[in-house]
């Protein structure tokens, strides 16, 4: 892949991304999601493209916290299908190998 730039306001962009809000680009316009890659370390990487400049940006999506993993295990223990703790009921976790992963953020929240 070509050169990918890092964004500066990661916390604000992550908050907007989880809430499915429009994310402002550093160059004007807004950021459009091109894809998500899950990492070996539990983090995921989102690749975004600016709508006005076509520059590509990389946003690291942090791995699941202990609290998020416990919340998912509690839902599984109750016999229900878990949703993504970050995206809410609009994003169901799916099985990918031995993990339950959110397709919207690429983060694994539990092992099965």
N, C-alpha and C. Protein backbone atom coordinates (compact mmCIF):
# COMPACT_ATOMS: atom_id res chain seq x y z
N UNK A 1 0.85 -1.16 0.00
CA UNK A 1 0.00 0.00 0.00
C UNK A 1 0.90 1.23 0.00
N UNK A 2 0.44 2.32 -0.59
CA UNK A 2 1.22 3.54 -0.67
C UNK A 2 1.39 4.19 0.68
N UNK A 3 1.82 5.43 0.64
CA UNK A 3 2.03 6.17 1.88
C UNK A 3 0.70 6.45 2.56
N UNK A 4 0.64 6.13 3.84
CA UNK A 4 -0.55 6.37 4.64
C UNK A 4 -0.15 7.31 5.77
N UNK A 5 -0.91 8.37 5.96
CA UNK A 5 -0.62 9.38 6.98
C UNK A 5 -1.30 9.02 8.30
N UNK A 6 -0.75 9.51 9.38
CA UNK A 6 -1.34 9.33 10.70
C UNK A 6 -2.21 10.54 11.02
N UNK A 7 -3.29 10.34 11.74
CA UNK A 7 -4.15 11.45 12.16
C UNK A 7 -3.69 11.95 13.53
N UNK A 8 -3.99 13.21 13.82
CA UNK A 8 -3.56 13.81 15.08
C UNK A 8 -4.58 13.65 16.20
N UNK A 9 -5.85 13.85 15.90
CA UNK A 9 -6.90 13.85 16.93
C UNK A 9 -7.56 12.48 17.02
N UNK A 10 -6.79 11.47 17.40
CA UNK A 10 -7.24 10.08 17.40
C UNK A 10 -8.45 9.84 18.31
N UNK A 11 -8.42 10.37 19.53
CA UNK A 11 -9.51 10.11 20.47
C UNK A 11 -10.84 10.64 19.93
N UNK A 12 -10.83 11.85 19.40
CA UNK A 12 -12.05 12.43 18.87
C UNK A 12 -12.55 11.65 17.66
N UNK A 13 -11.64 11.26 16.78
CA UNK A 13 -12.04 10.50 15.59
C UNK A 13 -12.59 9.12 15.96
N UNK A 14 -11.96 8.46 16.95
CA UNK A 14 -12.47 7.16 17.38
C UNK A 14 -13.88 7.29 17.95
N UNK A 15 -14.10 8.30 18.75
CA UNK A 15 -15.42 8.54 19.33
C UNK A 15 -16.46 8.73 18.23
N UNK A 16 -16.13 9.51 17.22
CA UNK A 16 -17.04 9.74 16.09
C UNK A 16 -17.24 8.45 15.29
N UNK A 17 -16.18 7.68 15.12
CA UNK A 17 -16.27 6.43 14.35
C UNK A 17 -17.19 5.43 15.05
N UNK A 18 -17.03 5.25 16.36
CA UNK A 18 -17.88 4.32 17.11
C UNK A 18 -19.35 4.74 17.05
N UNK A 19 -19.60 6.04 17.03
CA UNK A 19 -20.98 6.56 16.99
C UNK A 19 -21.51 6.68 15.56
N UNK A 20 -20.74 6.24 14.57
CA UNK A 20 -21.12 6.29 13.15
C UNK A 20 -21.41 7.73 12.70
N UNK A 21 -20.63 8.67 13.21
CA UNK A 21 -20.76 10.06 12.81
C UNK A 21 -19.76 10.39 11.71
N UNK A 22 -20.00 11.47 11.01
CA UNK A 22 -19.08 11.93 9.98
C UNK A 22 -17.79 12.39 10.65
N UNK A 23 -16.67 11.98 10.10
CA UNK A 23 -15.36 12.31 10.65
C UNK A 23 -14.69 13.35 9.75
N UNK A 24 -14.37 14.51 10.32
CA UNK A 24 -13.74 15.57 9.55
C UNK A 24 -12.30 15.21 9.22
N UNK A 25 -11.90 15.50 7.99
CA UNK A 25 -10.55 15.25 7.54
C UNK A 25 -9.65 16.44 7.89
N UNK A 26 -8.38 16.20 8.15
CA UNK A 26 -7.45 17.30 8.40
C UNK A 26 -7.31 18.25 7.20
N UNK A 27 -7.67 17.80 6.01
CA UNK A 27 -7.53 18.61 4.79
C UNK A 27 -8.84 19.19 4.31
N UNK A 28 -9.85 19.25 5.16
CA UNK A 28 -11.17 19.65 4.72
C UNK A 28 -11.90 18.41 4.23
N UNK A 29 -13.16 18.51 3.98
CA UNK A 29 -13.91 17.32 3.60
C UNK A 29 -14.11 16.40 4.80
N UNK A 30 -14.28 15.13 4.51
CA UNK A 30 -14.46 14.16 5.59
C UNK A 30 -13.76 12.87 5.23
N UNK A 31 -13.59 12.00 6.24
CA UNK A 31 -12.89 10.73 6.05
C UNK A 31 -13.88 9.62 5.74
N UNK A 32 -13.56 8.83 4.72
CA UNK A 32 -14.39 7.69 4.32
C UNK A 32 -13.60 6.42 4.60
N UNK A 33 -14.24 5.45 5.23
CA UNK A 33 -13.59 4.19 5.56
C UNK A 33 -13.36 3.38 4.30
N UNK A 34 -12.11 2.93 4.12
CA UNK A 34 -11.77 2.04 3.01
C UNK A 34 -11.71 0.59 3.47
N UNK A 35 -11.23 0.38 4.69
CA UNK A 35 -11.13 -0.99 5.19
C UNK A 35 -10.55 -1.04 6.58
N UNK A 36 -10.71 -2.21 7.20
CA UNK A 36 -10.21 -2.47 8.55
C UNK A 36 -9.32 -3.70 8.48
N UNK A 37 -8.17 -3.64 9.15
CA UNK A 37 -7.28 -4.79 9.25
C UNK A 37 -7.07 -5.11 10.72
N UNK A 38 -7.32 -6.36 11.10
CA UNK A 38 -7.06 -6.79 12.47
C UNK A 38 -5.57 -7.06 12.62
N UNK A 39 -5.03 -6.68 13.78
CA UNK A 39 -3.62 -6.90 14.03
C UNK A 39 -3.39 -8.09 14.92
N UNK A 40 -2.16 -8.56 14.93
CA UNK A 40 -1.78 -9.70 15.77
C UNK A 40 -1.82 -9.36 17.26
N UNK A 41 -1.58 -8.10 17.59
CA UNK A 41 -1.50 -7.68 18.98
C UNK A 41 -2.85 -7.33 19.59
N UNK A 42 -3.94 -7.51 18.83
CA UNK A 42 -5.28 -7.20 19.34
C UNK A 42 -5.80 -5.87 18.85
N UNK A 43 -4.90 -4.99 18.43
CA UNK A 43 -5.33 -3.72 17.84
C UNK A 43 -5.82 -3.96 16.42
N UNK A 44 -6.54 -3.00 15.89
CA UNK A 44 -6.95 -3.03 14.49
C UNK A 44 -6.53 -1.70 13.87
N UNK A 45 -6.47 -1.67 12.55
CA UNK A 45 -6.09 -0.46 11.85
C UNK A 45 -7.17 -0.15 10.82
N UNK A 46 -7.70 1.07 10.90
CA UNK A 46 -8.66 1.54 9.91
C UNK A 46 -7.96 2.42 8.90
N UNK A 47 -8.23 2.18 7.62
CA UNK A 47 -7.67 3.00 6.55
C UNK A 47 -8.81 3.87 6.02
N UNK A 48 -8.59 5.17 6.06
CA UNK A 48 -9.59 6.15 5.64
C UNK A 48 -9.04 7.00 4.51
N UNK A 49 -9.94 7.49 3.66
CA UNK A 49 -9.53 8.38 2.58
C UNK A 49 -10.27 9.71 2.70
N UNK A 50 -9.55 10.80 2.50
CA UNK A 50 -10.15 12.13 2.55
C UNK A 50 -11.01 12.33 1.31
N UNK A 51 -12.22 12.84 1.50
CA UNK A 51 -13.15 13.03 0.38
C UNK A 51 -12.74 14.17 -0.54
N UNK A 52 -11.92 15.10 -0.04
CA UNK A 52 -11.55 16.23 -0.89
C UNK A 52 -10.14 16.12 -1.47
N UNK A 53 -9.22 15.50 -0.75
CA UNK A 53 -7.84 15.45 -1.24
C UNK A 53 -7.39 14.06 -1.69
N UNK A 54 -8.17 13.03 -1.38
CA UNK A 54 -7.84 11.64 -1.69
C UNK A 54 -6.60 11.14 -0.96
N UNK A 55 -6.14 11.87 0.05
CA UNK A 55 -5.06 11.37 0.88
C UNK A 55 -5.60 10.28 1.78
N UNK A 56 -4.76 9.31 2.09
CA UNK A 56 -5.18 8.21 2.95
C UNK A 56 -4.58 8.36 4.34
N UNK A 57 -5.40 8.02 5.32
CA UNK A 57 -5.02 8.14 6.73
C UNK A 57 -5.21 6.80 7.42
N UNK A 58 -4.38 6.57 8.41
CA UNK A 58 -4.43 5.35 9.20
C UNK A 58 -4.84 5.72 10.62
N UNK A 59 -5.78 4.97 11.17
CA UNK A 59 -6.24 5.19 12.54
C UNK A 59 -6.17 3.86 13.29
N UNK A 60 -5.35 3.81 14.33
CA UNK A 60 -5.22 2.59 15.13
C UNK A 60 -6.41 2.50 16.07
N UNK A 61 -7.10 1.37 16.02
CA UNK A 61 -8.24 1.11 16.89
C UNK A 61 -7.73 0.20 18.01
N UNK A 62 -7.74 0.68 19.25
CA UNK A 62 -7.13 -0.08 20.35
C UNK A 62 -7.83 -1.40 20.63
N UNK A 63 -7.03 -2.35 21.13
CA UNK A 63 -7.58 -3.66 21.46
C UNK A 63 -8.61 -3.55 22.57
N UNK A 64 -9.36 -4.61 22.75
CA UNK A 64 -10.44 -4.64 23.75
C UNK A 64 -9.86 -4.50 25.16
N UNK A 65 -10.55 -3.72 25.96
CA UNK A 65 -10.14 -3.58 27.36
C UNK A 65 -10.66 -4.77 28.16
N UNK A 66 -10.14 -4.92 29.35
CA UNK A 66 -10.58 -6.00 30.23
C UNK A 66 -12.07 -5.89 30.52
N UNK A 67 -12.56 -4.66 30.73
CA UNK A 67 -13.97 -4.42 31.00
C UNK A 67 -14.84 -4.82 29.82
N UNK A 68 -14.41 -4.47 28.60
CA UNK A 68 -15.17 -4.84 27.40
C UNK A 68 -15.22 -6.35 27.22
N UNK A 69 -14.09 -7.03 27.45
CA UNK A 69 -14.06 -8.49 27.31
C UNK A 69 -14.98 -9.15 28.34
N UNK A 70 -14.98 -8.63 29.58
CA UNK A 70 -15.84 -9.19 30.62
C UNK A 70 -17.31 -9.00 30.27
N UNK A 71 -17.65 -7.84 29.75
CA UNK A 71 -19.03 -7.55 29.36
C UNK A 71 -19.50 -8.55 28.29
N UNK A 72 -18.65 -8.83 27.32
CA UNK A 72 -19.00 -9.79 26.26
C UNK A 72 -19.12 -11.19 26.84
N UNK A 73 -18.20 -11.60 27.73
CA UNK A 73 -18.29 -12.93 28.35
C UNK A 73 -19.56 -13.08 29.17
N UNK A 74 -19.97 -12.01 29.86
CA UNK A 74 -21.21 -12.04 30.64
C UNK A 74 -22.43 -12.25 29.75
N UNK A 75 -22.45 -11.60 28.60
CA UNK A 75 -23.57 -11.76 27.66
C UNK A 75 -23.60 -13.18 27.12
N UNK A 76 -22.42 -13.71 26.78
CA UNK A 76 -22.34 -15.10 26.29
C UNK A 76 -22.80 -16.06 27.38
N UNK A 77 -22.36 -15.82 28.62
CA UNK A 77 -22.75 -16.66 29.75
C UNK A 77 -24.25 -16.67 29.99
N UNK A 78 -24.91 -15.56 29.65
CA UNK A 78 -26.36 -15.48 29.81
C UNK A 78 -27.10 -16.14 28.64
N UNK A 79 -26.34 -16.63 27.65
CA UNK A 79 -26.95 -17.32 26.52
C UNK A 79 -27.40 -16.41 25.38
N UNK A 80 -26.96 -15.16 25.39
CA UNK A 80 -27.34 -14.22 24.34
C UNK A 80 -26.20 -14.03 23.35
N UNK A 81 -26.53 -13.44 22.20
CA UNK A 81 -25.52 -13.09 21.21
C UNK A 81 -24.99 -11.70 21.53
N UNK A 82 -23.66 -11.57 21.69
CA UNK A 82 -23.11 -10.27 22.10
C UNK A 82 -23.02 -9.26 20.95
N UNK A 83 -23.21 -8.00 21.31
CA UNK A 83 -22.99 -6.88 20.40
C UNK A 83 -21.61 -6.30 20.70
N UNK A 84 -21.12 -5.49 19.78
CA UNK A 84 -19.85 -4.79 20.00
C UNK A 84 -20.02 -3.80 21.14
N UNK A 85 -19.16 -3.86 22.15
CA UNK A 85 -19.27 -2.92 23.26
C UNK A 85 -19.06 -1.46 22.83
N UNK A 86 -18.40 -1.24 21.72
CA UNK A 86 -18.11 0.12 21.26
C UNK A 86 -19.15 0.63 20.27
N UNK A 87 -19.66 -0.22 19.42
CA UNK A 87 -20.62 0.20 18.40
C UNK A 87 -22.08 0.01 18.82
N UNK A 88 -22.30 -0.79 19.83
CA UNK A 88 -23.66 -0.99 20.32
C UNK A 88 -24.44 -2.03 19.54
N UNK A 89 -25.78 -2.00 19.66
CA UNK A 89 -26.62 -3.05 19.08
C UNK A 89 -26.60 -3.12 17.56
N UNK A 90 -26.07 -2.13 16.90
CA UNK A 90 -26.04 -2.16 15.44
C UNK A 90 -24.93 -3.06 14.90
N UNK A 91 -24.02 -3.53 15.75
CA UNK A 91 -22.89 -4.35 15.30
C UNK A 91 -22.78 -5.61 16.15
N UNK A 92 -23.25 -6.72 15.61
CA UNK A 92 -23.16 -8.01 16.28
C UNK A 92 -21.76 -8.57 16.10
N UNK A 93 -21.23 -9.23 17.12
CA UNK A 93 -19.93 -9.88 17.02
C UNK A 93 -20.08 -11.18 16.24
N UNK A 94 -19.10 -11.47 15.38
CA UNK A 94 -19.13 -12.70 14.58
C UNK A 94 -17.90 -13.54 14.90
N UNK A 95 -18.00 -14.83 14.62
CA UNK A 95 -16.88 -15.73 14.84
C UNK A 95 -15.89 -15.61 13.68
N UNK A 96 -14.64 -15.39 14.05
CA UNK A 96 -13.54 -15.40 13.09
C UNK A 96 -12.48 -16.29 13.71
N UNK A 97 -12.36 -17.50 13.19
CA UNK A 97 -11.47 -18.47 13.82
C UNK A 97 -12.00 -18.80 15.20
N UNK A 98 -11.19 -18.57 16.21
CA UNK A 98 -11.60 -18.85 17.59
C UNK A 98 -12.04 -17.60 18.34
N UNK A 99 -12.13 -16.47 17.65
CA UNK A 99 -12.46 -15.20 18.30
C UNK A 99 -13.83 -14.70 17.90
N UNK A 100 -14.42 -13.87 18.77
CA UNK A 100 -15.62 -13.10 18.43
C UNK A 100 -15.15 -11.69 18.11
N UNK A 101 -15.40 -11.26 16.88
CA UNK A 101 -14.83 -10.03 16.35
C UNK A 101 -15.94 -9.11 15.85
N UNK A 102 -15.75 -7.81 16.03
CA UNK A 102 -16.66 -6.81 15.46
C UNK A 102 -16.18 -6.52 14.04
N UNK A 103 -17.06 -6.65 13.07
CA UNK A 103 -16.67 -6.38 11.68
C UNK A 103 -16.49 -4.89 11.43
N UNK A 104 -17.08 -4.04 12.28
CA UNK A 104 -16.95 -2.60 12.10
C UNK A 104 -15.63 -2.05 12.62
N UNK A 105 -15.09 -2.64 13.68
CA UNK A 105 -13.83 -2.11 14.22
C UNK A 105 -12.67 -3.11 14.16
N UNK A 106 -12.93 -4.37 13.81
CA UNK A 106 -11.87 -5.34 13.65
C UNK A 106 -11.24 -5.84 14.93
N UNK A 107 -11.86 -5.53 16.07
CA UNK A 107 -11.30 -5.90 17.37
C UNK A 107 -11.94 -7.20 17.86
N UNK A 108 -11.10 -8.11 18.38
CA UNK A 108 -11.58 -9.36 18.97
C UNK A 108 -11.91 -9.12 20.43
N UNK A 109 -13.12 -9.51 20.84
CA UNK A 109 -13.56 -9.26 22.21
C UNK A 109 -13.64 -10.50 23.08
N UNK A 110 -13.62 -11.69 22.47
CA UNK A 110 -13.69 -12.91 23.27
C UNK A 110 -13.18 -14.09 22.45
N UNK A 111 -12.75 -15.11 23.15
CA UNK A 111 -12.37 -16.39 22.51
C UNK A 111 -13.50 -17.38 22.75
N UNK A 112 -13.69 -18.23 21.76
CA UNK A 112 -14.74 -19.24 21.89
C UNK A 112 -14.15 -20.62 21.99
